[in-house]
Amino acid sequence: MWFATDYGTIELYEKCGLEQLIPPHAQSISFNTNPLLFILALADTLEPIKTCCDPDYGLNIEPIEVLNSIECVFNYKHISLLFKNNEIFKKIKKKLDGLENWLDINVEIFENENKIDIIF
């Protein structure tokens, strides 16, 4: 799902009856309102295997190495990701750019620690 942000996309969405995806009607996906959609959207965005194991994305790292390079801590409405591999950290950080535009989250990036906090 993509929100319409430019004139061409807005025009197309209006033509197709997708007004709910055009601001100001478009609302960020919230954990409180739609937890399943929220978790699926966040998980699909964060999914590190497709990002780091495919040479088309610029990295060609074995899946087990990717998974062993990320430490995840889950708490209620908070996810902390700590990366042992700087390249994986950079790729995931880049994927999170703009995520706050359509998911109701706050992303905090700690460059010197290779750490990302996601609060929702």
PDB file of N, CA and C in Angstrom:
ATOM      1  N   MET A   1       0.842  -1.163   0.000  1.00  0.00           N
ATOM      2  CA  MET A   1       0.000   0.000   0.000  1.00  0.00           C
ATOM      3  C   MET A   1       0.893   1.233   0.000  1.00  0.00           C
ATOM      4  N   TRP A   2       0.569   2.172  -0.860  1.00  0.00           N
ATOM      5  CA  TRP A   2       1.347   3.407  -0.955  1.00  0.00           C
ATOM      6  C   TRP A   2       0.390   4.581  -0.893  1.00  0.00           C
ATOM      7  N   PHE A   3       0.733   5.563  -0.094  1.00  0.00           N
ATOM      8  CA  PHE A   3      -0.048   6.780  -0.055  1.00  0.00           C
ATOM      9  C   PHE A   3       0.319   7.633  -1.263  1.00  0.00           C
ATOM     10  N   ALA A   4      -0.667   8.348  -1.791  1.00  0.00           N
ATOM     11  CA  ALA A   4      -0.429   9.256  -2.912  1.00  0.00           C
ATOM     12  C   ALA A   4       0.238  10.516  -2.386  1.00  0.00           C
ATOM     13  N   THR A   5       1.373  10.869  -2.969  1.00  0.00           N
ATOM     14  CA  THR A   5       2.103  12.041  -2.492  1.00  0.00           C
ATOM     15  C   THR A   5       2.398  13.051  -3.600  1.00  0.00           C
ATOM     16  N   ASP A   6       2.234  12.671  -4.846  1.00  0.00           N
ATOM     17  CA  ASP A   6       2.492  13.606  -5.942  1.00  0.00           C
ATOM     18  C   ASP A   6       1.231  13.720  -6.808  1.00  0.00           C
ATOM     19  N   TYR A   7       1.184  14.768  -7.602  1.00  0.00           N
ATOM     20  CA  TYR A   7      -0.020  15.065  -8.384  1.00  0.00           C
ATOM     21  C   TYR A   7      -0.434  13.895  -9.278  1.00  0.00           C
ATOM     22  N   GLY A   8       0.501  13.283  -9.987  1.00  0.00           N
ATOM     23  CA  GLY A   8       0.175  12.178 -10.896  1.00  0.00           C
ATOM     24  C   GLY A   8      -0.436  10.995 -10.164  1.00  0.00           C
ATOM     25  N   THR A   9       0.119  10.667  -9.012  1.00  0.00           N
ATOM     26  CA  THR A   9      -0.401   9.545  -8.230  1.00  0.00           C
ATOM     27  C   THR A   9      -1.760   9.890  -7.640  1.00  0.00           C
ATOM     28  N   ILE A  10      -1.914  11.113  -7.172  1.00  0.00           N
ATOM     29  CA  ILE A  10      -3.205  11.544  -6.625  1.00  0.00           C
ATOM     30  C   ILE A  10      -4.291  11.441  -7.694  1.00  0.00           C
ATOM     31  N   GLU A  11      -3.975  11.901  -8.882  1.00  0.00           N
ATOM     32  CA  GLU A  11      -4.932  11.847  -9.992  1.00  0.00           C
ATOM     33  C   GLU A  11      -5.320  10.399 -10.304  1.00  0.00           C
ATOM     34  N   LEU A  12      -4.356   9.512 -10.357  1.00  0.00           N
ATOM     35  CA  LEU A  12      -4.615   8.103 -10.632  1.00  0.00           C
ATOM     36  C   LEU A  12      -5.455   7.465  -9.527  1.00  0.00           C
ATOM     37  N   TYR A  13      -5.113   7.750  -8.271  1.00  0.00           N
ATOM     38  CA  TYR A  13      -5.854   7.191  -7.139  1.00  0.00           C
ATOM     39  C   TYR A  13      -7.307   7.675  -7.148  1.00  0.00           C
ATOM     40  N   GLU A  14      -7.527   8.951  -7.472  1.00  0.00           N
ATOM     41  CA  GLU A  14      -8.889   9.481  -7.539  1.00  0.00           C
ATOM     42  C   GLU A  14      -9.671   8.758  -8.635  1.00  0.00           C
ATOM     43  N   LYS A  15      -9.038   8.540  -9.761  1.00  0.00           N
ATOM     44  CA  LYS A  15      -9.671   7.853 -10.883  1.00  0.00           C
ATOM     45  C   LYS A  15     -10.067   6.423 -10.504  1.00  0.00           C
ATOM     46  N   CYS A  16      -9.264   5.787  -9.656  1.00  0.00           N
ATOM     47  CA  CYS A  16      -9.501   4.394  -9.250  1.00  0.00           C
ATOM     48  C   CYS A  16     -10.315   4.274  -7.964  1.00  0.00           C
ATOM     49  N   GLY A  17     -10.756   5.399  -7.418  1.00  0.00           N
ATOM     50  CA  GLY A  17     -11.569   5.363  -6.201  1.00  0.00           C
ATOM     51  C   GLY A  17     -10.786   5.045  -4.936  1.00  0.00           C
ATOM     52  N   LEU A  18      -9.534   5.442  -4.892  1.00  0.00           N
ATOM     53  CA  LEU A  18      -8.677   5.152  -3.734  1.00  0.00           C
ATOM     54  C   LEU A  18      -8.446   6.404  -2.886  1.00  0.00           C
ATOM     55  N   GLU A  19      -9.498   7.160  -2.652  1.00  0.00           N
ATOM     56  CA  GLU A  19      -9.368   8.409  -1.898  1.00  0.00           C
ATOM     57  C   GLU A  19      -8.797   8.194  -0.498  1.00  0.00           C
ATOM     58  N   GLN A  20      -9.024   7.027   0.095  1.00  0.00           N
ATOM     59  CA  GLN A  20      -8.526   6.749   1.443  1.00  0.00           C
ATOM     60  C   GLN A  20      -6.996   6.719   1.499  1.00  0.00           C
ATOM     61  N   LEU A  21      -6.349   6.658   0.352  1.00  0.00           N
ATOM     62  CA  LEU A  21      -4.888   6.658   0.298  1.00  0.00           C
ATOM     63  C   LEU A  21      -4.328   8.022  -0.109  1.00  0.00           C
ATOM     64  N   ILE A  22      -5.188   9.034  -0.121  1.00  0.00           N
ATOM     65  CA  ILE A  22      -4.773  10.387  -0.488  1.00  0.00           C
ATOM     66  C   ILE A  22      -4.894  11.273   0.754  1.00  0.00           C
ATOM     67  N   PRO A  23      -3.809  11.953   1.142  1.00  0.00           N
ATOM     68  CA  PRO A  23      -3.909  12.879   2.273  1.00  0.00           C
ATOM     69  C   PRO A  23      -4.940  13.961   1.959  1.00  0.00           C
ATOM     70  N   PRO A  24      -5.704  14.431   2.890  1.00  0.00           N
ATOM     71  CA  PRO A  24      -5.641  14.197   4.334  1.00  0.00           C
ATOM     72  C   PRO A  24      -6.438  12.981   4.791  1.00  0.00           C
ATOM     73  N   HIS A  25      -7.087  12.270   3.847  1.00  0.00           N
ATOM     74  CA  HIS A  25      -7.854  11.069   4.223  1.00  0.00           C
ATOM     75  C   HIS A  25      -6.941   9.941   4.693  1.00  0.00           C
ATOM     76  N   ALA A  26      -5.769   9.851   4.109  1.00  0.00           N
ATOM     77  CA  ALA A  26      -4.845   8.768   4.448  1.00  0.00           C
ATOM     78  C   ALA A  26      -4.380   8.920   5.892  1.00  0.00           C
ATOM     79  N   GLN A  27      -4.517   7.872   6.624  1.00  0.00           N
ATOM     80  CA  GLN A  27      -4.085   7.850   8.020  1.00  0.00           C
ATOM     81  C   GLN A  27      -2.962   6.832   8.166  1.00  0.00           C
ATOM     82  N   SER A  28      -1.977   7.157   8.972  1.00  0.00           N
ATOM     83  CA  SER A  28      -0.892   6.215   9.236  1.00  0.00           C
ATOM     84  C   SER A  28      -1.456   4.939   9.837  1.00  0.00           C
ATOM     85  N   ILE A  29      -0.867   3.828   9.459  1.00  0.00           N
ATOM     86  CA  ILE A  29      -1.279   2.540  10.012  1.00  0.00           C
ATOM     87  C   ILE A  29      -0.802   2.484  11.453  1.00  0.00           C
ATOM     88  N   SER A  30      -1.732   2.229  12.345  1.00  0.00           N
ATOM     89  CA  SER A  30      -1.442   2.248  13.768  1.00  0.00           C
ATOM     90  C   SER A  30      -1.582   0.854  14.373  1.00  0.00           C
ATOM     91  N   PHE A  31      -0.716   0.527  15.302  1.00  0.00           N
ATOM     92  CA  PHE A  31      -0.811  -0.736  16.020  1.00  0.00           C
ATOM     93  C   PHE A  31      -2.129  -0.817  16.784  1.00  0.00           C
ATOM     94  N   ASN A  32      -2.546   0.291  17.368  1.00  0.00           N
ATOM     95  CA  ASN A  32      -3.774   0.302  18.164  1.00  0.00           C
ATOM     96  C   ASN A  32      -5.023   0.086  17.321  1.00  0.00           C
ATOM     97  N   THR A  33      -5.022   0.602  16.098  1.00  0.00           N
ATOM     98  CA  THR A  33      -6.191   0.520  15.235  1.00  0.00           C
ATOM     99  C   THR A  33      -6.243  -0.775  14.437  1.00  0.00           C
ATOM    100  N   ASN A  34      -5.094  -1.186  13.914  1.00  0.00           N
ATOM    101  CA  ASN A  34      -5.051  -2.378  13.069  1.00  0.00           C
ATOM    102  C   ASN A  34      -3.737  -3.119  13.337  1.00  0.00           C
ATOM    103  N   PRO A  35      -3.644  -3.854  14.441  1.00  0.00           N
ATOM    104  CA  PRO A  35      -2.375  -4.472  14.831  1.00  0.00           C
ATOM    105  C   PRO A  35      -1.813  -5.463  13.808  1.00  0.00           C
ATOM    106  N   LEU A  36      -2.663  -6.259  13.174  1.00  0.00           N
ATOM    107  CA  LEU A  36      -2.161  -7.242  12.210  1.00  0.00           C
ATOM    108  C   LEU A  36      -1.536  -6.555  10.999  1.00  0.00           C
ATOM    109  N   LEU A  37      -2.242  -5.598  10.417  1.00  0.00           N
ATOM    110  CA  LEU A  37      -1.696  -4.869   9.266  1.00  0.00           C
ATOM    111  C   LEU A  37      -0.416  -4.145   9.652  1.00  0.00           C
ATOM    112  N   PHE A  38      -0.398  -3.541  10.836  1.00  0.00           N
ATOM    113  CA  PHE A  38       0.780  -2.823  11.315  1.00  0.00           C
ATOM    114  C   PHE A  38       1.993  -3.757  11.402  1.00  0.00           C
ATOM    115  N   ILE A  39       1.831  -4.896  12.057  1.00  0.00           N
ATOM    116  CA  ILE A  39       2.941  -5.846  12.234  1.00  0.00           C
ATOM    117  C   ILE A  39       3.405  -6.397  10.886  1.00  0.00           C
ATOM    118  N   LEU A  40       2.470  -6.715  10.000  1.00  0.00           N
ATOM    119  CA  LEU A  40       2.855  -7.224   8.676  1.00  0.00           C
ATOM    120  C   LEU A  40       3.622  -6.181   7.870  1.00  0.00           C
ATOM    121  N   ALA A  41       3.179  -4.937   7.913  1.00  0.00           N
ATOM    122  CA  ALA A  41       3.866  -3.864   7.182  1.00  0.00           C
ATOM    123  C   ALA A  41       5.262  -3.630   7.742  1.00  0.00           C
ATOM    124  N   LEU A  42       5.378  -3.593   9.060  1.00  0.00           N
ATOM    125  CA  LEU A  42       6.679  -3.376   9.688  1.00  0.00           C
ATOM    126  C   LEU A  42       7.619  -4.554   9.425  1.00  0.00           C
ATOM    127  N   ALA A  43       7.111  -5.765   9.560  1.00  0.00           N
ATOM    128  CA  ALA A  43       7.942  -6.953   9.337  1.00  0.00           C
ATOM    129  C   ALA A  43       8.418  -7.033   7.882  1.00  0.00           C
ATOM    130  N   ASP A  44       7.538  -6.716   6.946  1.00  0.00           N
ATOM    131  CA  ASP A  44       7.925  -6.755   5.540  1.00  0.00           C
ATOM    132  C   ASP A  44       8.994  -5.717   5.228  1.00  0.00           C
ATOM    133  N   THR A  45       8.894  -4.564   5.835  1.00  0.00           N
ATOM    134  CA  THR A  45       9.889  -3.515   5.616  1.00  0.00           C
ATOM    135  C   THR A  45      11.233  -3.888   6.232  1.00  0.00           C
ATOM    136  N   LEU A  46      11.202  -4.425   7.438  1.00  0.00           N
ATOM    137  CA  LEU A  46      12.446  -4.749   8.143  1.00  0.00           C
ATOM    138  C   LEU A  46      13.114  -6.020   7.641  1.00  0.00           C
ATOM    139  N   GLU A  47      12.380  -6.915   7.012  1.00  0.00           N
ATOM    140  CA  GLU A  47      12.866  -8.243   6.643  1.00  0.00           C
ATOM    141  C   GLU A  47      14.284  -8.175   6.057  1.00  0.00           C
ATOM    142  N   PRO A  48      15.301  -8.587   6.831  1.00  0.00           N
ATOM    143  CA  PRO A  48      16.689  -8.381   6.418  1.00  0.00           C
ATOM    144  C   PRO A  48      17.221  -9.373   5.392  1.00  0.00           C
ATOM    145  N   ILE A  49      16.641 -10.554   5.290  1.00  0.00           N
ATOM    146  CA  ILE A  49      17.173 -11.563   4.373  1.00  0.00           C
ATOM    147  C   ILE A  49      17.061 -11.085   2.928  1.00  0.00           C
ATOM    148  N   LYS A  50      15.893 -10.601   2.527  1.00  0.00           N
ATOM    149  CA  LYS A  50      15.733 -10.166   1.135  1.00  0.00           C
ATOM    150  C   LYS A  50      16.588  -8.935   0.828  1.00  0.00           C
ATOM    151  N   THR A  51      16.877  -8.132   1.835  1.00  0.00           N
ATOM    152  CA  THR A  51      17.673  -6.927   1.634  1.00  0.00           C
ATOM    153  C   THR A  51      19.163  -7.222   1.564  1.00  0.00           C
ATOM    154  N   CYS A  52      19.632  -8.157   2.352  1.00  0.00           N
ATOM    155  CA  CYS A  52      21.073  -8.361   2.506  1.00  0.00           C
ATOM    156  C   CYS A  52      21.621  -9.579   1.774  1.00  0.00           C
ATOM    157  N   CYS A  53      20.759 -10.466   1.315  1.00  0.00           N
ATOM    158  CA  CYS A  53      21.239 -11.680   0.657  1.00  0.00           C
ATOM    159  C   CYS A  53      21.129 -11.613  -0.859  1.00  0.00           C
ATOM    160  N   ASP A  54      20.508 -10.600  -1.377  1.00  0.00           N
ATOM    161  CA  ASP A  54      20.314 -10.450  -2.811  1.00  0.00           C
ATOM    162  C   ASP A  54      21.351  -9.476  -3.368  1.00  0.00           C
ATOM    163  N   PRO A  55      22.215  -9.944  -4.271  1.00  0.00           N
ATOM    164  CA  PRO A  55      23.232  -9.049  -4.834  1.00  0.00           C
ATOM    165  C   PRO A  55      22.640  -7.842  -5.559  1.00  0.00           C
ATOM    166  N   ASP A  56      21.377  -7.924  -5.988  1.00  0.00           N
ATOM    167  CA  ASP A  56      20.723  -6.784  -6.643  1.00  0.00           C
ATOM    168  C   ASP A  56      20.550  -5.607  -5.690  1.00  0.00           C
ATOM    169  N   TYR A  57      20.532  -5.878  -4.378  1.00  0.00           N
ATOM    170  CA  TYR A  57      20.425  -4.823  -3.372  1.00  0.00           C
ATOM    171  C   TYR A  57      21.799  -4.317  -2.935  1.00  0.00           C
ATOM    172  N   GLY A  58      22.850  -4.858  -3.500  1.00  0.00           N
ATOM    173  CA  GLY A  58      24.183  -4.357  -3.184  1.00  0.00           C
ATOM    174  C   GLY A  58      24.957  -5.177  -2.177  1.00  0.00           C
ATOM    175  N   LEU A  59      24.312  -6.108  -1.517  1.00  0.00           N
ATOM    176  CA  LEU A  59      24.995  -6.984  -0.574  1.00  0.00           C
ATOM    177  C   LEU A  59      24.752  -8.432  -0.996  1.00  0.00           C
ATOM    178  N   ASN A  60      25.683  -9.289  -0.672  1.00  0.00           N
ATOM    179  CA  ASN A  60      25.522 -10.715  -0.976  1.00  0.00           C
ATOM    180  C   ASN A  60      26.011 -11.489   0.244  1.00  0.00           C
ATOM    181  N   ILE A  61      25.243 -11.390   1.325  1.00  0.00           N
ATOM    182  CA  ILE A  61      25.619 -12.001   2.594  1.00  0.00           C
ATOM    183  C   ILE A  61      24.749 -13.230   2.816  1.00  0.00           C
ATOM    184  N   GLU A  62      25.332 -14.285   3.321  1.00  0.00           N
ATOM    185  CA  GLU A  62      24.586 -15.515   3.597  1.00  0.00           C
ATOM    186  C   GLU A  62      23.499 -15.251   4.634  1.00  0.00           C
ATOM    187  N   PRO A  63      22.320 -15.860   4.456  1.00  0.00           N
ATOM    188  CA  PRO A  63      21.212 -15.622   5.389  1.00  0.00           C
ATOM    189  C   PRO A  63      21.575 -15.859   6.858  1.00  0.00           C
ATOM    190  N   ILE A  64      22.306 -16.911   7.150  1.00  0.00           N
ATOM    191  CA  ILE A  64      22.654 -17.187   8.548  1.00  0.00           C
ATOM    192  C   ILE A  64      23.541 -16.092   9.122  1.00  0.00           C
ATOM    193  N   GLU A  65      24.421 -15.540   8.282  1.00  0.00           N
ATOM    194  CA  GLU A  65      25.276 -14.437   8.729  1.00  0.00           C
ATOM    195  C   GLU A  65      24.451 -13.183   9.014  1.00  0.00           C
ATOM    196  N   VAL A  66      23.452 -12.940   8.179  1.00  0.00           N
ATOM    197  CA  VAL A  66      22.569 -11.787   8.393  1.00  0.00           C
ATOM    198  C   VAL A  66      21.850 -11.936   9.727  1.00  0.00           C
ATOM    199  N   LEU A  67      21.250 -13.092   9.941  1.00  0.00           N
ATOM    200  CA  LEU A  67      20.488 -13.304  11.176  1.00  0.00           C
ATOM    201  C   LEU A  67      21.375 -13.270  12.417  1.00  0.00           C
ATOM    202  N   ASN A  68      22.594 -13.788  12.308  1.00  0.00           N
ATOM    203  CA  ASN A  68      23.515 -13.760  13.443  1.00  0.00           C
ATOM    204  C   ASN A  68      24.078 -12.362  13.704  1.00  0.00           C
ATOM    205  N   SER A  69      23.898 -11.462  12.764  1.00  0.00           N
ATOM    206  CA  SER A  69      24.440 -10.101  12.895  1.00  0.00           C
ATOM    207  C   SER A  69      23.452  -9.111  13.501  1.00  0.00           C
ATOM    208  N   ILE A  70      22.232  -9.568  13.781  1.00  0.00           N
ATOM    209  CA  ILE A  70      21.202  -8.669  14.299  1.00  0.00           C
ATOM    210  C   ILE A  70      20.683  -9.205  15.630  1.00  0.00           C
ATOM    211  N   GLU A  71      20.742  -8.350  16.629  1.00  0.00           N
ATOM    212  CA  GLU A  71      20.155  -8.682  17.925  1.00  0.00           C
ATOM    213  C   GLU A  71      18.858  -7.890  18.060  1.00  0.00           C
ATOM    214  N   CYS A  72      17.773  -8.591  18.359  1.00  0.00           N
ATOM    215  CA  CYS A  72      16.457  -7.955  18.498  1.00  0.00           C
ATOM    216  C   CYS A  72      15.984  -8.072  19.937  1.00  0.00           C
ATOM    217  N   VAL A  73      15.487  -6.971  20.453  1.00  0.00           N
ATOM    218  CA  VAL A  73      14.865  -6.962  21.768  1.00  0.00           C
ATOM    219  C   VAL A  73      13.469  -6.385  21.592  1.00  0.00           C
ATOM    220  N   PHE A  74      12.456  -7.190  21.972  1.00  0.00           N
ATOM    221  CA  PHE A  74      11.065  -6.779  21.839  1.00  0.00           C
ATOM    222  C   PHE A  74      10.475  -6.508  23.217  1.00  0.00           C
ATOM    223  N   ASN A  75       9.863  -5.358  23.348  1.00  0.00           N
ATOM    224  CA  ASN A  75       9.100  -5.000  24.532  1.00  0.00           C
ATOM    225  C   ASN A  75       7.765  -4.477  24.037  1.00  0.00           C
ATOM    226  N   TYR A  76       6.874  -4.207  24.948  1.00  0.00           N
ATOM    227  CA  TYR A  76       5.565  -3.698  24.555  1.00  0.00           C
ATOM    228  C   TYR A  76       5.731  -2.379  23.796  1.00  0.00           C
ATOM    229  N   LYS A  77       5.334  -2.390  22.535  1.00  0.00           N
ATOM    230  CA  LYS A  77       5.371  -1.227  21.644  1.00  0.00           C
ATOM    231  C   LYS A  77       6.778  -0.643  21.472  1.00  0.00           C
ATOM    232  N   HIS A  78       7.773  -1.495  21.528  1.00  0.00           N
ATOM    233  CA  HIS A  78       9.157  -1.043  21.361  1.00  0.00           C
ATOM    234  C   HIS A  78      10.009  -2.195  20.832  1.00  0.00           C
ATOM    235  N   ILE A  79      10.754  -1.915  19.776  1.00  0.00           N
ATOM    236  CA  ILE A  79      11.696  -2.890  19.217  1.00  0.00           C
ATOM    237  C   ILE A  79      13.053  -2.222  19.133  1.00  0.00           C
ATOM    238  N   SER A  80      14.069  -2.885  19.679  1.00  0.00           N
ATOM    239  CA  SER A  80      15.455  -2.416  19.547  1.00  0.00           C
ATOM    240  C   SER A  80      16.210  -3.396  18.670  1.00  0.00           C
ATOM    241  N   LEU A  81      16.915  -2.868  17.691  1.00  0.00           N
ATOM    242  CA  LEU A  81      17.737  -3.673  16.796  1.00  0.00           C
ATOM    243  C   LEU A  81      19.179  -3.218  16.938  1.00  0.00           C
ATOM    244  N   LEU A  82      20.057  -4.151  17.226  1.00  0.00           N
ATOM    245  CA  LEU A  82      21.479  -3.866  17.352  1.00  0.00           C
ATOM    246  C   LEU A  82      22.210  -4.680  16.291  1.00  0.00           C
ATOM    247  N   PHE A  83      23.025  -4.012  15.491  1.00  0.00           N
ATOM    248  CA  PHE A  83      23.675  -4.634  14.344  1.00  0.00           C
ATOM    249  C   PHE A  83      25.170  -4.802  14.589  1.00  0.00           C
ATOM    250  N   LYS A  84      25.670  -6.007  14.385  1.00  0.00           N
ATOM    251  CA  LYS A  84      27.106  -6.280  14.492  1.00  0.00           C
ATOM    252  C   LYS A  84      27.820  -5.952  13.180  1.00  0.00           C
ATOM    253  N   ASN A  85      27.076  -5.965  12.085  1.00  0.00           N
ATOM    254  CA  ASN A  85      27.621  -5.704  10.753  1.00  0.00           C
ATOM    255  C   ASN A  85      27.177  -4.311  10.310  1.00  0.00           C
ATOM    256  N   ASN A  86      28.125  -3.428  10.054  1.00  0.00           N
ATOM    257  CA  ASN A  86      27.833  -2.046   9.688  1.00  0.00           C
ATOM    258  C   ASN A  86      27.092  -1.939   8.355  1.00  0.00           C
ATOM    259  N   GLU A  87      27.396  -2.792   7.401  1.00  0.00           N
ATOM    260  CA  GLU A  87      26.732  -2.741   6.094  1.00  0.00           C
ATOM    261  C   GLU A  87      25.256  -3.117   6.221  1.00  0.00           C
ATOM    262  N   ILE A  88      24.961  -4.113   7.028  1.00  0.00           N
ATOM    263  CA  ILE A  88      23.568  -4.496   7.253  1.00  0.00           C
ATOM    264  C   ILE A  88      22.834  -3.352   7.951  1.00  0.00           C
ATOM    265  N   PHE A  89      23.462  -2.740   8.935  1.00  0.00           N
ATOM    266  CA  PHE A  89      22.882  -1.594   9.636  1.00  0.00           C
ATOM    267  C   PHE A  89      22.519  -0.494   8.645  1.00  0.00           C
ATOM    268  N   LYS A  90      23.432  -0.167   7.738  1.00  0.00           N
ATOM    269  CA  LYS A  90      23.191   0.895   6.759  1.00  0.00           C
ATOM    270  C   LYS A  90      22.007   0.556   5.848  1.00  0.00           C
ATOM    271  N   LYS A  91      21.921  -0.702   5.410  1.00  0.00           N
ATOM    272  CA  LYS A  91      20.838  -1.117   4.517  1.00  0.00           C
ATOM    273  C   LYS A  91      19.485  -1.037   5.208  1.00  0.00           C
ATOM    274  N   ILE A  92      19.406  -1.535   6.426  1.00  0.00           N
ATOM    275  CA  ILE A  92      18.133  -1.515   7.150  1.00  0.00           C
ATOM    276  C   ILE A  92      17.758  -0.068   7.492  1.00  0.00           C
ATOM    277  N   LYS A  93      18.739   0.727   7.878  1.00  0.00           N
ATOM    278  CA  LYS A  93      18.484   2.136   8.177  1.00  0.00           C
ATOM    279  C   LYS A  93      17.891   2.840   6.960  1.00  0.00           C
ATOM    280  N   LYS A  94      18.422   2.548   5.794  1.00  0.00           N
ATOM    281  CA  LYS A  94      17.926   3.154   4.560  1.00  0.00           C
ATOM    282  C   LYS A  94      16.488   2.710   4.268  1.00  0.00           C
ATOM    283  N   LYS A  95      16.171   1.444   4.550  1.00  0.00           N
ATOM    284  CA  LYS A  95      14.815   0.957   4.320  1.00  0.00           C
ATOM    285  C   LYS A  95      13.799   1.643   5.226  1.00  0.00           C
ATOM    286  N   LEU A  96      14.255   2.128   6.375  1.00  0.00           N
ATOM    287  CA  LEU A  96      13.350   2.779   7.317  1.00  0.00           C
ATOM    288  C   LEU A  96      13.069   4.236   6.966  1.00  0.00           C
ATOM    289  N   ASP A  97      13.825   4.794   6.015  1.00  0.00           N
ATOM    290  CA  ASP A  97      13.582   6.176   5.590  1.00  0.00           C
ATOM    291  C   ASP A  97      12.156   6.311   5.079  1.00  0.00           C
ATOM    292  N   GLY A  98      11.408   7.223   5.632  1.00  0.00           N
ATOM    293  CA  GLY A  98      10.054   7.482   5.182  1.00  0.00           C
ATOM    294  C   GLY A  98       8.994   6.575   5.785  1.00  0.00           C
ATOM    295  N   LEU A  99       9.408   5.594   6.564  1.00  0.00           N
ATOM    296  CA  LEU A  99       8.440   4.671   7.158  1.00  0.00           C
ATOM    297  C   LEU A  99       7.474   5.390   8.086  1.00  0.00           C
ATOM    298  N   GLU A 100       7.953   6.439   8.727  1.00  0.00           N
ATOM    299  CA  GLU A 100       7.111   7.216   9.638  1.00  0.00           C
ATOM    300  C   GLU A 100       6.001   7.976   8.894  1.00  0.00           C
ATOM    301  N   ASN A 101       6.106   8.054   7.558  1.00  0.00           N
ATOM    302  CA  ASN A 101       5.077   8.726   6.767  1.00  0.00           C
ATOM    303  C   ASN A 101       3.808   7.897   6.638  1.00  0.00           C
ATOM    304  N   TRP A 102       3.903   6.575   6.794  1.00  0.00           N
ATOM    305  CA  TRP A 102       2.718   5.746   6.616  1.00  0.00           C
ATOM    306  C   TRP A 102       2.474   4.744   7.738  1.00  0.00           C
ATOM    307  N   LEU A 103       3.425   4.581   8.631  1.00  0.00           N
ATOM    308  CA  LEU A 103       3.220   3.779   9.843  1.00  0.00           C
ATOM    309  C   LEU A 103       3.292   4.712  11.044  1.00  0.00           C
ATOM    310  N   ASP A 104       2.450   4.480  12.012  1.00  0.00           N
ATOM    311  CA  ASP A 104       2.434   5.314  13.212  1.00  0.00           C
ATOM    312  C   ASP A 104       3.547   4.847  14.154  1.00  0.00           C
ATOM    313  N   ILE A 105       4.782   5.264  13.842  1.00  0.00           N
ATOM    314  CA  ILE A 105       5.955   4.864  14.618  1.00  0.00           C
ATOM    315  C   ILE A 105       6.897   6.045  14.784  1.00  0.00           C
ATOM    316  N   ASN A 106       7.817   5.891  15.709  1.00  0.00           N
ATOM    317  CA  ASN A 106       8.959   6.798  15.848  1.00  0.00           C
ATOM    318  C   ASN A 106      10.204   5.942  15.716  1.00  0.00           C
ATOM    319  N   VAL A 107      11.100   6.354  14.848  1.00  0.00           N
ATOM    320  CA  VAL A 107      12.346   5.635  14.635  1.00  0.00           C
ATOM    321  C   VAL A 107      13.486   6.477  15.184  1.00  0.00           C
ATOM    322  N   GLU A 108      14.266   5.878  16.061  1.00  0.00           N
ATOM    323  CA  GLU A 108      15.457   6.539  16.605  1.00  0.00           C
ATOM    324  C   GLU A 108      16.672   5.749  16.148  1.00  0.00           C
ATOM    325  N   ILE A 109      17.621   6.446  15.532  1.00  0.00           N
ATOM    326  CA  ILE A 109      18.823   5.801  15.008  1.00  0.00           C
ATOM    327  C   ILE A 109      20.024   6.291  15.793  1.00  0.00           C
ATOM    328  N   PHE A 110      20.812   5.341  16.279  1.00  0.00           N
ATOM    329  CA  PHE A 110      22.014   5.634  17.042  1.00  0.00           C
ATOM    330  C   PHE A 110      23.213   5.159  16.210  1.00  0.00           C
ATOM    331  N   GLU A 111      23.722   6.075  15.387  1.00  0.00           N
ATOM    332  CA  GLU A 111      24.791   5.768  14.438  1.00  0.00           C
ATOM    333  C   GLU A 111      26.023   5.151  15.102  1.00  0.00           C
ATOM    334  N   ASN A 112      26.456   5.736  16.208  1.00  0.00           N
ATOM    335  CA  ASN A 112      27.703   5.281  16.837  1.00  0.00           C
ATOM    336  C   ASN A 112      27.549   3.931  17.526  1.00  0.00           C
ATOM    337  N   GLU A 113      26.309   3.448  17.673  1.00  0.00           N
ATOM    338  CA  GLU A 113      26.077   2.150  18.304  1.00  0.00           C
ATOM    339  C   GLU A 113      25.552   1.101  17.321  1.00  0.00           C
ATOM    340  N   ASN A 114      25.325   1.498  16.061  1.00  0.00           N
ATOM    341  CA  ASN A 114      24.673   0.629  15.079  1.00  0.00           C
ATOM    342  C   ASN A 114      23.363   0.084  15.643  1.00  0.00           C
ATOM    343  N   LYS A 115      22.562   0.982  16.176  1.00  0.00           N
ATOM    344  CA  LYS A 115      21.329   0.599  16.863  1.00  0.00           C
ATOM    345  C   LYS A 115      20.154   1.399  16.308  1.00  0.00           C
ATOM    346  N   ILE A 116      19.007   0.712  16.197  1.00  0.00           N
ATOM    347  CA  ILE A 116      17.768   1.342  15.771  1.00  0.00           C
ATOM    348  C   ILE A 116      16.693   0.983  16.786  1.00  0.00           C
ATOM    349  N   ASP A 117      15.998   2.009  17.269  1.00  0.00           N
ATOM    350  CA  ASP A 117      14.851   1.804  18.155  1.00  0.00           C
ATOM    351  C   ASP A 117      13.591   2.194  17.397  1.00  0.00           C
ATOM    352  N   ILE A 118      12.599   1.331  17.466  1.00  0.00           N
ATOM    353  CA  ILE A 118      11.302   1.593  16.845  1.00  0.00           C
ATOM    354  C   ILE A 118      10.272   1.586  17.956  1.00  0.00           C
ATOM    355  N   ILE A 119       9.581   2.708  18.098  1.00  0.00           N
ATOM    356  CA  ILE A 119       8.592   2.869  19.155  1.00  0.00           C
ATOM    357  C   ILE A 119       7.240   3.101  18.507  1.00  0.00           C
ATOM    358  N   PHE A 120       6.243   2.371  18.989  1.00  0.00           N
ATOM    359  CA  PHE A 120       4.892   2.518  18.418  1.00  0.00           C
ATOM    360  C   PHE A 120       3.829   2.439  19.476  1.00  0.00           C
TER     361      PHE A 120
END
